[in-house]
Amino acid sequence: MNVMETIRTFIAIELNDDLRRALARTQAQFQRERAAQAVRWVAPASIHLTLKFLGDTPVAQIPALTDALRAACVGVAPFTLTLAGAGAFPNTRKPNVVWIGVTGQAHVAAQLARQIEDACAALGLAREARPFTPHLTLGRLKRDAAPTERRAVGEEIERAHIATLGMLRVERVSLMQSDLRPTGSVYTQVAAVELG
């Protein structure tokens, strides 16, 4: 094995099958619209709540990273998130990312993300430049999407009125591996850490 072998990793909260089905229905609702062709939709099985993106991580560092994650989760009791509403980054006038909102005890998720950030920084990993904004990515606009297509997608999001999709009881955090394939990213759980 190569000493410096790396894998692309991120830390996330995984969803249950009921929520994945609800997200698939929401995507189907958007996909009925013509503008939806300008979006690369994320496979529902791959949708998750990212707490921290790590990128290329030395395989040798995975045990230390798992320990850091365990330390970051100590003292955080299981909590509940609500999936509701849709929006876009940076905004609906020029959308790049279509997302579903995360509410409920989102402040607990934000606190957990901060603790994970600190634990990873202590390992010498780079801190996130952007503040943590809890969301689930439904799709990303294609790079070559025309401004008119972007506007149309934004208008769809504003018209959609996505009600509450469901609740997620968060009891663990996962260290995930991301494999970039021509068909899209494939995610595999490397380690899971229980909360509390």
N, C-alpha and C. Protein backbone atom coordinates (compact mmCIF):
# COMPACT_ATOMS: atom_id res chain seq x y z
N MET A 1 0.85 -1.20 0.00
CA MET A 1 0.00 0.00 0.00
C MET A 1 0.88 1.25 0.00
N ASN A 2 0.50 2.21 -0.80
CA ASN A 2 1.22 3.49 -0.88
C ASN A 2 1.09 4.21 0.46
N VAL A 3 2.22 4.64 1.01
CA VAL A 3 2.25 5.30 2.33
C VAL A 3 1.37 6.56 2.32
N MET A 4 1.42 7.30 1.21
CA MET A 4 0.68 8.56 1.15
C MET A 4 -0.67 8.42 0.43
N GLU A 5 -1.21 7.21 0.44
CA GLU A 5 -2.50 7.00 -0.21
C GLU A 5 -3.55 7.91 0.43
N THR A 6 -4.36 8.59 -0.39
CA THR A 6 -5.40 9.47 0.15
C THR A 6 -6.76 9.07 -0.39
N ILE A 7 -7.78 9.43 0.37
CA ILE A 7 -9.16 9.26 -0.08
C ILE A 7 -9.87 10.59 0.16
N ARG A 8 -10.87 10.89 -0.69
CA ARG A 8 -11.66 12.12 -0.49
C ARG A 8 -12.69 11.84 0.60
N THR A 9 -12.69 12.67 1.63
CA THR A 9 -13.61 12.42 2.74
C THR A 9 -14.40 13.67 3.13
N PHE A 10 -15.49 13.41 3.84
CA PHE A 10 -16.27 14.49 4.45
C PHE A 10 -17.00 13.89 5.65
N ILE A 11 -17.48 14.76 6.53
CA ILE A 11 -18.20 14.34 7.73
C ILE A 11 -19.65 14.77 7.54
N ALA A 12 -20.58 13.84 7.78
CA ALA A 12 -21.98 14.14 7.47
C ALA A 12 -22.95 13.44 8.41
N ILE A 13 -24.18 13.92 8.36
CA ILE A 13 -25.31 13.25 9.00
C ILE A 13 -26.06 12.57 7.86
N GLU A 14 -26.22 11.26 7.98
CA GLU A 14 -26.91 10.50 6.93
C GLU A 14 -28.42 10.53 7.16
N LEU A 15 -29.17 10.34 6.10
CA LEU A 15 -30.63 10.39 6.17
C LEU A 15 -31.21 8.99 6.22
N ASN A 16 -32.47 8.91 6.65
CA ASN A 16 -33.14 7.60 6.62
C ASN A 16 -33.89 7.45 5.29
N ASP A 17 -34.37 6.24 5.03
CA ASP A 17 -35.01 5.93 3.73
C ASP A 17 -36.29 6.74 3.51
N ASP A 18 -37.06 7.00 4.58
CA ASP A 18 -38.29 7.78 4.43
C ASP A 18 -37.98 9.17 3.90
N LEU A 19 -36.95 9.80 4.44
CA LEU A 19 -36.58 11.14 4.00
C LEU A 19 -36.03 11.11 2.58
N ARG A 20 -35.28 10.08 2.24
CA ARG A 20 -34.74 9.96 0.88
C ARG A 20 -35.89 9.84 -0.12
N ARG A 21 -36.92 9.10 0.27
CA ARG A 21 -38.10 8.96 -0.61
C ARG A 21 -38.80 10.32 -0.76
N ALA A 22 -38.92 11.06 0.34
CA ALA A 22 -39.56 12.38 0.31
C ALA A 22 -38.75 13.33 -0.58
N LEU A 23 -37.42 13.24 -0.51
CA LEU A 23 -36.55 14.09 -1.35
C LEU A 23 -36.70 13.70 -2.83
N ALA A 24 -36.83 12.40 -3.10
CA ALA A 24 -37.02 11.93 -4.48
C ALA A 24 -38.34 12.49 -5.03
N ARG A 25 -39.39 12.52 -4.20
CA ARG A 25 -40.68 13.07 -4.64
C ARG A 25 -40.55 14.57 -4.94
N THR A 26 -39.78 15.26 -4.11
CA THR A 26 -39.57 16.70 -4.30
C THR A 26 -38.80 16.95 -5.59
N GLN A 27 -37.77 16.14 -5.84
CA GLN A 27 -37.02 16.27 -7.09
C GLN A 27 -37.95 16.04 -8.28
N ALA A 28 -38.80 15.02 -8.19
CA ALA A 28 -39.72 14.69 -9.28
C ALA A 28 -40.66 15.86 -9.56
N GLN A 29 -41.06 16.55 -8.49
CA GLN A 29 -41.92 17.73 -8.63
C GLN A 29 -41.19 18.81 -9.46
N PHE A 30 -39.91 19.05 -9.14
CA PHE A 30 -39.12 20.03 -9.89
C PHE A 30 -38.86 19.57 -11.32
N GLN A 31 -38.61 18.26 -11.47
CA GLN A 31 -38.21 17.73 -12.77
C GLN A 31 -39.33 17.77 -13.81
N ARG A 32 -40.56 17.98 -13.36
CA ARG A 32 -41.67 18.12 -14.32
C ARG A 32 -41.57 19.44 -15.09
N GLU A 33 -40.79 20.38 -14.56
CA GLU A 33 -40.66 21.69 -15.19
C GLU A 33 -39.53 21.68 -16.21
N ARG A 34 -39.69 22.43 -17.30
CA ARG A 34 -38.68 22.44 -18.36
C ARG A 34 -37.32 22.92 -17.87
N ALA A 35 -37.33 23.91 -16.98
CA ALA A 35 -36.06 24.49 -16.48
C ALA A 35 -35.19 23.45 -15.77
N ALA A 36 -35.82 22.38 -15.27
CA ALA A 36 -35.10 21.36 -14.51
C ALA A 36 -34.01 20.67 -15.31
N GLN A 37 -34.07 20.78 -16.65
CA GLN A 37 -33.04 20.15 -17.50
C GLN A 37 -31.68 20.82 -17.31
N ALA A 38 -31.68 22.04 -16.75
CA ALA A 38 -30.42 22.77 -16.54
C ALA A 38 -29.74 22.35 -15.23
N VAL A 39 -30.37 21.40 -14.51
CA VAL A 39 -29.87 20.98 -13.19
C VAL A 39 -29.36 19.54 -13.24
N ARG A 40 -28.18 19.31 -12.61
CA ARG A 40 -27.69 17.94 -12.38
C ARG A 40 -28.24 17.54 -11.01
N TRP A 41 -29.21 16.64 -10.99
CA TRP A 41 -29.86 16.26 -9.73
C TRP A 41 -29.01 15.24 -8.99
N VAL A 42 -28.95 15.38 -7.67
CA VAL A 42 -28.19 14.44 -6.84
C VAL A 42 -29.07 13.21 -6.60
N ALA A 43 -28.49 12.02 -6.73
CA ALA A 43 -29.26 10.79 -6.46
C ALA A 43 -29.74 10.83 -5.01
N PRO A 44 -31.03 10.60 -4.75
CA PRO A 44 -31.54 10.68 -3.38
C PRO A 44 -30.74 9.86 -2.37
N ALA A 45 -30.23 8.70 -2.80
CA ALA A 45 -29.44 7.86 -1.89
C ALA A 45 -28.15 8.55 -1.46
N SER A 46 -27.71 9.56 -2.23
CA SER A 46 -26.45 10.25 -1.93
C SER A 46 -26.66 11.55 -1.15
N ILE A 47 -27.90 11.94 -0.93
CA ILE A 47 -28.15 13.21 -0.24
C ILE A 47 -27.90 13.05 1.26
N HIS A 48 -27.19 14.00 1.84
CA HIS A 48 -26.82 13.96 3.26
C HIS A 48 -26.64 15.39 3.74
N LEU A 49 -26.51 15.57 5.04
CA LEU A 49 -26.23 16.89 5.61
C LEU A 49 -24.74 16.95 5.92
N THR A 50 -23.99 17.70 5.13
CA THR A 50 -22.54 17.79 5.32
C THR A 50 -22.23 18.69 6.51
N LEU A 51 -21.42 18.19 7.43
CA LEU A 51 -20.97 18.99 8.58
C LEU A 51 -19.59 19.59 8.29
N LYS A 52 -18.76 18.82 7.57
CA LYS A 52 -17.44 19.34 7.18
C LYS A 52 -16.92 18.57 5.99
N PHE A 53 -16.47 19.30 4.97
CA PHE A 53 -15.82 18.67 3.82
C PHE A 53 -14.33 18.67 4.09
N LEU A 54 -13.69 17.51 3.96
CA LEU A 54 -12.26 17.39 4.26
C LEU A 54 -11.41 17.33 3.00
N GLY A 55 -11.95 16.73 1.93
CA GLY A 55 -11.15 16.58 0.72
C GLY A 55 -10.16 15.44 0.85
N ASP A 56 -9.03 15.54 0.14
CA ASP A 56 -8.04 14.46 0.13
C ASP A 56 -7.44 14.27 1.52
N THR A 57 -7.65 13.08 2.07
CA THR A 57 -7.24 12.76 3.43
C THR A 57 -6.32 11.54 3.41
N PRO A 58 -5.13 11.63 4.00
CA PRO A 58 -4.27 10.44 4.05
C PRO A 58 -4.97 9.30 4.79
N VAL A 59 -4.95 8.12 4.18
CA VAL A 59 -5.59 6.95 4.78
C VAL A 59 -5.04 6.71 6.19
N ALA A 60 -3.74 6.96 6.37
CA ALA A 60 -3.09 6.76 7.67
C ALA A 60 -3.68 7.67 8.76
N GLN A 61 -4.34 8.75 8.34
CA GLN A 61 -4.89 9.71 9.30
C GLN A 61 -6.32 9.37 9.74
N ILE A 62 -6.93 8.37 9.09
CA ILE A 62 -8.33 8.04 9.38
C ILE A 62 -8.56 7.67 10.85
N PRO A 63 -7.70 6.82 11.49
CA PRO A 63 -7.95 6.51 12.90
C PRO A 63 -7.92 7.76 13.80
N ALA A 64 -6.96 8.65 13.58
CA ALA A 64 -6.88 9.88 14.38
C ALA A 64 -8.09 10.77 14.12
N LEU A 65 -8.54 10.79 12.88
CA LEU A 65 -9.70 11.59 12.50
C LEU A 65 -10.97 11.04 13.17
N THR A 66 -11.08 9.72 13.21
CA THR A 66 -12.24 9.09 13.86
C THR A 66 -12.22 9.40 15.36
N ASP A 67 -11.05 9.37 15.98
CA ASP A 67 -10.93 9.71 17.40
C ASP A 67 -11.32 11.17 17.65
N ALA A 68 -10.88 12.06 16.75
CA ALA A 68 -11.20 13.49 16.87
C ALA A 68 -12.71 13.68 16.75
N LEU A 69 -13.31 12.94 15.84
CA LEU A 69 -14.76 13.01 15.63
C LEU A 69 -15.49 12.53 16.88
N ARG A 70 -14.98 11.45 17.47
CA ARG A 70 -15.58 10.90 18.70
C ARG A 70 -15.53 11.96 19.81
N ALA A 71 -14.38 12.62 19.95
CA ALA A 71 -14.20 13.65 20.98
C ALA A 71 -15.16 14.83 20.74
N ALA A 72 -15.34 15.18 19.46
CA ALA A 72 -16.22 16.31 19.12
C ALA A 72 -17.69 16.00 19.42
N CYS A 73 -18.06 14.72 19.40
CA CYS A 73 -19.45 14.32 19.60
C CYS A 73 -19.81 14.11 21.08
N VAL A 74 -18.78 14.06 21.94
CA VAL A 74 -19.03 13.88 23.37
C VAL A 74 -19.80 15.10 23.87
N GLY A 75 -20.84 14.84 24.66
CA GLY A 75 -21.60 15.96 25.23
C GLY A 75 -22.66 16.52 24.31
N VAL A 76 -22.77 15.98 23.09
CA VAL A 76 -23.86 16.39 22.19
C VAL A 76 -24.89 15.27 22.21
N ALA A 77 -26.04 15.56 22.80
CA ALA A 77 -27.10 14.55 22.89
C ALA A 77 -27.78 14.41 21.53
N PRO A 78 -28.39 13.25 21.24
CA PRO A 78 -29.16 13.12 20.00
C PRO A 78 -30.18 14.26 19.89
N PHE A 79 -30.45 14.69 18.65
CA PHE A 79 -31.35 15.83 18.43
C PHE A 79 -32.18 15.59 17.18
N THR A 80 -33.16 16.47 16.94
CA THR A 80 -34.08 16.28 15.82
C THR A 80 -34.04 17.47 14.87
N LEU A 81 -33.95 17.16 13.59
CA LEU A 81 -33.97 18.19 12.55
C LEU A 81 -35.25 18.03 11.73
N THR A 82 -35.73 19.12 11.18
CA THR A 82 -36.90 19.11 10.31
C THR A 82 -36.45 19.53 8.92
N LEU A 83 -36.89 18.80 7.91
CA LEU A 83 -36.57 19.15 6.52
C LEU A 83 -37.77 19.90 5.96
N ALA A 84 -37.55 21.14 5.56
CA ALA A 84 -38.67 21.96 5.06
C ALA A 84 -38.16 23.11 4.21
N GLY A 85 -38.94 23.45 3.20
CA GLY A 85 -38.63 24.61 2.37
C GLY A 85 -37.52 24.34 1.38
N ALA A 86 -37.48 25.14 0.32
CA ALA A 86 -36.44 25.01 -0.69
C ALA A 86 -35.84 26.38 -0.95
N GLY A 87 -34.60 26.40 -1.43
CA GLY A 87 -33.94 27.65 -1.76
C GLY A 87 -32.77 27.38 -2.69
N ALA A 88 -31.93 28.40 -2.87
CA ALA A 88 -30.78 28.25 -3.77
C ALA A 88 -29.61 29.06 -3.25
N PHE A 89 -28.41 28.59 -3.53
CA PHE A 89 -27.18 29.36 -3.28
C PHE A 89 -26.69 29.87 -4.62
N PRO A 90 -26.18 31.09 -4.75
CA PRO A 90 -26.16 32.10 -3.69
C PRO A 90 -27.54 32.71 -3.46
N ASN A 91 -28.43 32.67 -4.47
CA ASN A 91 -29.80 33.16 -4.33
C ASN A 91 -30.64 32.63 -5.50
N THR A 92 -31.93 32.91 -5.49
CA THR A 92 -32.81 32.36 -6.54
C THR A 92 -32.72 33.17 -7.84
N ARG A 93 -32.08 34.33 -7.83
CA ARG A 93 -31.91 35.09 -9.08
C ARG A 93 -30.82 34.46 -9.95
N LYS A 94 -29.75 33.96 -9.30
CA LYS A 94 -28.65 33.31 -10.03
C LYS A 94 -28.28 32.00 -9.33
N PRO A 95 -29.17 31.03 -9.34
CA PRO A 95 -28.91 29.81 -8.56
C PRO A 95 -27.76 28.96 -9.13
N ASN A 96 -26.93 28.47 -8.22
CA ASN A 96 -25.90 27.48 -8.57
C ASN A 96 -26.25 26.14 -7.94
N VAL A 97 -26.86 26.19 -6.74
CA VAL A 97 -27.21 25.00 -5.98
C VAL A 97 -28.67 25.10 -5.56
N VAL A 98 -29.43 24.01 -5.76
CA VAL A 98 -30.82 23.93 -5.30
C VAL A 98 -30.80 23.11 -4.01
N TRP A 99 -31.40 23.66 -2.94
CA TRP A 99 -31.35 22.96 -1.66
C TRP A 99 -32.69 22.88 -0.96
N ILE A 100 -32.76 21.95 0.00
CA ILE A 100 -33.89 21.82 0.92
C ILE A 100 -33.39 22.32 2.27
N GLY A 101 -34.22 23.09 2.94
CA GLY A 101 -33.82 23.69 4.22
C GLY A 101 -33.84 22.69 5.37
N VAL A 102 -33.05 23.00 6.39
CA VAL A 102 -32.98 22.18 7.60
C VAL A 102 -33.27 23.10 8.78
N THR A 103 -34.34 22.79 9.51
CA THR A 103 -34.72 23.60 10.66
C THR A 103 -34.83 22.69 11.88
N GLY A 104 -35.67 23.06 12.86
CA GLY A 104 -35.77 22.28 14.09
C GLY A 104 -34.55 22.62 14.94
N GLN A 105 -33.87 21.62 15.44
CA GLN A 105 -32.70 21.87 16.30
C GLN A 105 -31.43 22.09 15.46
N ALA A 106 -31.55 22.97 14.45
CA ALA A 106 -30.42 23.25 13.55
C ALA A 106 -29.27 23.90 14.31
N HIS A 107 -29.58 24.61 15.40
CA HIS A 107 -28.51 25.23 16.22
C HIS A 107 -27.61 24.15 16.84
N VAL A 108 -28.18 22.99 17.13
CA VAL A 108 -27.37 21.88 17.69
C VAL A 108 -26.44 21.34 16.60
N ALA A 109 -26.97 21.23 15.36
CA ALA A 109 -26.14 20.79 14.24
C ALA A 109 -25.00 21.78 14.01
N ALA A 110 -25.30 23.09 14.15
CA ALA A 110 -24.28 24.13 13.96
C ALA A 110 -23.21 24.04 15.05
N GLN A 111 -23.64 23.79 16.28
CA GLN A 111 -22.69 23.62 17.40
C GLN A 111 -21.80 22.39 17.15
N LEU A 112 -22.42 21.31 16.70
CA LEU A 112 -21.69 20.07 16.39
C LEU A 112 -20.67 20.33 15.28
N ALA A 113 -21.09 21.07 14.26
CA ALA A 113 -20.19 21.40 13.15
C ALA A 113 -18.99 22.22 13.66
N ARG A 114 -19.25 23.16 14.59
CA ARG A 114 -18.14 23.96 15.16
C ARG A 114 -17.17 23.09 15.94
N GLN A 115 -17.72 22.15 16.73
CA GLN A 115 -16.86 21.26 17.52
C GLN A 115 -16.03 20.35 16.61
N ILE A 116 -16.63 19.89 15.52
CA ILE A 116 -15.92 19.05 14.55
C ILE A 116 -14.83 19.87 13.87
N GLU A 117 -15.17 21.13 13.54
CA GLU A 117 -14.21 22.05 12.93
C GLU A 117 -12.98 22.22 13.83
N ASP A 118 -13.22 22.43 15.12
CA ASP A 118 -12.13 22.62 16.10
C ASP A 118 -11.29 21.35 16.22
N ALA A 119 -11.97 20.19 16.30
CA ALA A 119 -11.26 18.91 16.44
C ALA A 119 -10.40 18.63 15.21
N CYS A 120 -10.91 18.95 14.02
CA CYS A 120 -10.15 18.73 12.79
C CYS A 120 -8.98 19.73 12.69
N ALA A 121 -9.21 20.96 13.13
CA ALA A 121 -8.14 21.98 13.11
C ALA A 121 -6.99 21.55 14.02
N ALA A 122 -7.33 20.91 15.13
CA ALA A 122 -6.31 20.43 16.07
C ALA A 122 -5.44 19.35 15.42
N LEU A 123 -5.98 18.69 14.37
CA LEU A 123 -5.21 17.68 13.63
C LEU A 123 -4.43 18.32 12.48
N GLY A 124 -4.57 19.65 12.36
CA GLY A 124 -3.86 20.36 11.29
C GLY A 124 -4.64 20.44 9.99
N LEU A 125 -5.94 20.11 10.04
CA LEU A 125 -6.76 20.19 8.83
C LEU A 125 -7.31 21.61 8.67
N ALA A 126 -7.43 22.05 7.45
CA ALA A 126 -7.87 23.42 7.16
C ALA A 126 -9.30 23.66 7.64
N ARG A 127 -9.53 24.88 8.13
CA ARG A 127 -10.88 25.27 8.55
C ARG A 127 -11.71 25.66 7.33
N GLU A 128 -13.02 25.50 7.45
CA GLU A 128 -13.94 25.92 6.38
C GLU A 128 -13.88 27.43 6.25
N ALA A 129 -13.87 27.91 5.02
CA ALA A 129 -13.88 29.36 4.79
C ALA A 129 -15.29 29.92 5.02
N ARG A 130 -16.30 29.14 4.62
CA ARG A 130 -17.69 29.61 4.73
C ARG A 130 -18.31 29.15 6.05
N PRO A 131 -19.20 29.96 6.62
CA PRO A 131 -19.90 29.51 7.82
C PRO A 131 -20.82 28.33 7.51
N PHE A 132 -21.10 27.51 8.51
CA PHE A 132 -21.95 26.34 8.33
C PHE A 132 -23.40 26.78 8.11
N THR A 133 -23.99 26.36 7.00
CA THR A 133 -25.40 26.63 6.69
C THR A 133 -26.08 25.29 6.47
N PRO A 134 -26.87 24.83 7.44
CA PRO A 134 -27.46 23.50 7.28
C PRO A 134 -28.42 23.45 6.09
N HIS A 135 -28.17 22.53 5.17
CA HIS A 135 -29.01 22.36 3.98
C HIS A 135 -28.74 20.99 3.37
N LEU A 136 -29.64 20.55 2.51
CA LEU A 136 -29.47 19.31 1.75
C LEU A 136 -29.45 19.69 0.28
N THR A 137 -28.38 19.35 -0.42
CA THR A 137 -28.26 19.70 -1.84
C THR A 137 -29.11 18.73 -2.68
N LEU A 138 -30.11 19.31 -3.36
CA LEU A 138 -30.96 18.51 -4.26
C LEU A 138 -30.34 18.40 -5.64
N GLY A 139 -29.67 19.48 -6.06
CA GLY A 139 -29.08 19.49 -7.39
C GLY A 139 -28.18 20.71 -7.58
N ARG A 140 -27.33 20.65 -8.60
CA ARG A 140 -26.44 21.76 -8.95
C ARG A 140 -26.69 22.14 -10.40
N LEU A 141 -26.72 23.44 -10.64
CA LEU A 141 -26.93 23.86 -12.03
C LEU A 141 -25.72 23.49 -12.87
N LYS A 142 -25.99 23.07 -14.11
CA LYS A 142 -24.91 22.70 -15.02
C LYS A 142 -24.08 23.95 -15.31
N ARG A 143 -22.77 23.75 -15.46
CA ARG A 143 -21.87 24.90 -15.69
C ARG A 143 -22.29 25.74 -16.88
N ASP A 144 -22.81 25.06 -17.92
CA ASP A 144 -23.16 25.78 -19.14
C ASP A 144 -24.62 26.26 -19.16
N ALA A 145 -25.29 26.24 -17.99
CA ALA A 145 -26.69 26.70 -17.94
C ALA A 145 -26.74 28.18 -18.30
N ALA A 146 -27.64 28.54 -19.20
CA ALA A 146 -27.79 29.93 -19.63
C ALA A 146 -28.43 30.76 -18.51
N PRO A 147 -28.15 32.08 -18.48
CA PRO A 147 -28.77 32.95 -17.46
C PRO A 147 -30.30 32.82 -17.43
N THR A 148 -30.93 32.66 -18.61
CA THR A 148 -32.39 32.52 -18.65
C THR A 148 -32.83 31.21 -17.98
N GLU A 149 -32.02 30.14 -18.17
CA GLU A 149 -32.34 28.85 -17.53
C GLU A 149 -32.19 28.98 -16.01
N ARG A 150 -31.11 29.65 -15.58
CA ARG A 150 -30.90 29.85 -14.14
C ARG A 150 -32.09 30.61 -13.53
N ARG A 151 -32.50 31.68 -14.22
CA ARG A 151 -33.62 32.47 -13.72
C ARG A 151 -34.88 31.61 -13.61
N ALA A 152 -35.11 30.80 -14.64
CA ALA A 152 -36.30 29.93 -14.66
C ALA A 152 -36.27 28.94 -13.50
N VAL A 153 -35.09 28.37 -13.21
CA VAL A 153 -34.95 27.44 -12.07
C VAL A 153 -35.25 28.18 -10.77
N GLY A 154 -34.70 29.40 -10.65
CA GLY A 154 -34.94 30.21 -9.45
C GLY A 154 -36.41 30.49 -9.24
N GLU A 155 -37.11 30.80 -10.33
CA GLU A 155 -38.55 31.07 -10.25
C GLU A 155 -39.32 29.81 -9.83
N GLU A 156 -38.88 28.65 -10.34
CA GLU A 156 -39.49 27.37 -9.95
C GLU A 156 -39.36 27.17 -8.44
N ILE A 157 -38.15 27.43 -7.91
CA ILE A 157 -37.89 27.23 -6.47
C ILE A 157 -38.82 28.14 -5.67
N GLU A 158 -38.94 29.39 -6.10
CA GLU A 158 -39.79 30.34 -5.38
C GLU A 158 -41.26 29.94 -5.42
N ARG A 159 -41.69 29.34 -6.54
CA ARG A 159 -43.09 28.92 -6.68
C ARG A 159 -43.39 27.60 -5.98
N ALA A 160 -42.35 26.82 -5.71
CA ALA A 160 -42.55 25.42 -5.29
C ALA A 160 -43.30 25.23 -3.97
N HIS A 161 -43.13 26.12 -3.00
CA HIS A 161 -43.78 25.97 -1.69
C HIS A 161 -43.58 24.56 -1.13
N ILE A 162 -42.35 24.21 -0.87
CA ILE A 162 -42.04 22.89 -0.32
C ILE A 162 -42.39 22.90 1.17
N ALA A 163 -43.38 22.09 1.54
CA ALA A 163 -43.78 22.01 2.94
C ALA A 163 -42.78 21.13 3.70
N THR A 164 -43.13 20.77 4.92
CA THR A 164 -42.25 19.91 5.72
C THR A 164 -42.18 18.52 5.09
N LEU A 165 -40.95 18.06 4.84
CA LEU A 165 -40.75 16.74 4.22
C LEU A 165 -40.66 15.64 5.26
N GLY A 166 -40.32 16.03 6.49
CA GLY A 166 -40.19 15.02 7.55
C GLY A 166 -39.18 15.44 8.59
N MET A 167 -39.03 14.58 9.59
CA MET A 167 -38.11 14.83 10.70
C MET A 167 -36.99 13.80 10.66
N LEU A 168 -35.83 14.23 11.13
CA LEU A 168 -34.68 13.33 11.20
C LEU A 168 -34.15 13.32 12.63
N ARG A 169 -34.17 12.15 13.24
CA ARG A 169 -33.58 11.99 14.58
C ARG A 169 -32.10 11.72 14.35
N VAL A 170 -31.24 12.63 14.81
CA VAL A 170 -29.80 12.50 14.60
C VAL A 170 -29.17 11.83 15.82
N GLU A 171 -28.64 10.63 15.62
CA GLU A 171 -28.03 9.88 16.73
C GLU A 171 -26.57 9.56 16.48
N ARG A 172 -26.12 9.79 15.24
CA ARG A 172 -24.70 9.51 14.93
C ARG A 172 -24.22 10.41 13.80
N VAL A 173 -22.91 10.49 13.70
CA VAL A 173 -22.26 11.27 12.65
C VAL A 173 -21.36 10.30 11.89
N SER A 174 -21.28 10.46 10.57
CA SER A 174 -20.50 9.54 9.75
C SER A 174 -19.31 10.22 9.08
N LEU A 175 -18.20 9.50 9.05
CA LEU A 175 -17.06 9.90 8.23
C LEU A 175 -17.26 9.15 6.92
N MET A 176 -17.37 9.92 5.82
CA MET A 176 -17.72 9.35 4.53
C MET A 176 -16.57 9.46 3.54
N GLN A 177 -16.50 8.47 2.65
CA GLN A 177 -15.55 8.52 1.54
C GLN A 177 -16.33 8.86 0.28
N SER A 178 -15.75 9.73 -0.54
CA SER A 178 -16.38 10.15 -1.80
C SER A 178 -15.52 9.68 -2.96
N ASP A 179 -16.11 8.86 -3.83
CA ASP A 179 -15.42 8.42 -5.05
C ASP A 179 -16.05 9.12 -6.23
N LEU A 180 -15.25 9.91 -6.94
CA LEU A 180 -15.78 10.61 -8.11
C LEU A 180 -15.78 9.66 -9.30
N ARG A 181 -16.97 9.42 -9.85
CA ARG A 181 -17.11 8.52 -11.01
C ARG A 181 -17.79 9.30 -12.12
N PRO A 182 -17.66 8.83 -13.36
CA PRO A 182 -18.32 9.54 -14.48
C PRO A 182 -19.83 9.69 -14.27
N THR A 183 -20.44 8.72 -13.56
CA THR A 183 -21.89 8.75 -13.36
C THR A 183 -22.28 9.63 -12.16
N GLY A 184 -21.27 10.18 -11.45
CA GLY A 184 -21.53 10.97 -10.25
C GLY A 184 -20.76 10.41 -9.08
N SER A 185 -20.81 11.13 -7.96
CA SER A 185 -20.06 10.68 -6.78
C SER A 185 -20.74 9.50 -6.11
N VAL A 186 -19.92 8.58 -5.60
CA VAL A 186 -20.42 7.44 -4.83
C VAL A 186 -19.87 7.59 -3.42
N TYR A 187 -20.77 7.52 -2.42
CA TYR A 187 -20.37 7.74 -1.03
C TYR A 187 -20.41 6.45 -0.24
N THR A 188 -19.37 6.23 0.57
CA THR A 188 -19.27 5.04 1.40
C THR A 188 -18.91 5.47 2.82
N GLN A 189 -19.61 4.88 3.78
CA GLN A 189 -19.29 5.20 5.18
C GLN A 189 -17.98 4.54 5.57
N VAL A 190 -17.06 5.35 6.12
CA VAL A 190 -15.76 4.85 6.59
C VAL A 190 -15.83 4.54 8.09
N ALA A 191 -16.52 5.42 8.83
CA ALA A 191 -16.68 5.25 10.27
C ALA A 191 -17.94 5.97 10.72
N ALA A 192 -18.55 5.49 11.82
CA ALA A 192 -19.72 6.17 12.39
C ALA A 192 -19.47 6.36 13.86
N VAL A 193 -19.84 7.54 14.36
CA VAL A 193 -19.64 7.88 15.77
C VAL A 193 -20.99 8.23 16.37
N GLU A 194 -21.32 7.58 17.49
CA GLU A 194 -22.60 7.84 18.16
C GLU A 194 -22.51 9.16 18.92
N LEU A 195 -23.63 9.87 19.02
CA LEU A 195 -23.68 11.10 19.80
C LEU A 195 -23.90 10.77 21.27
N GLY A 196 -23.54 11.74 22.10
CA GLY A 196 -23.86 11.63 23.54
C GLY A 196 -22.83 10.83 24.30
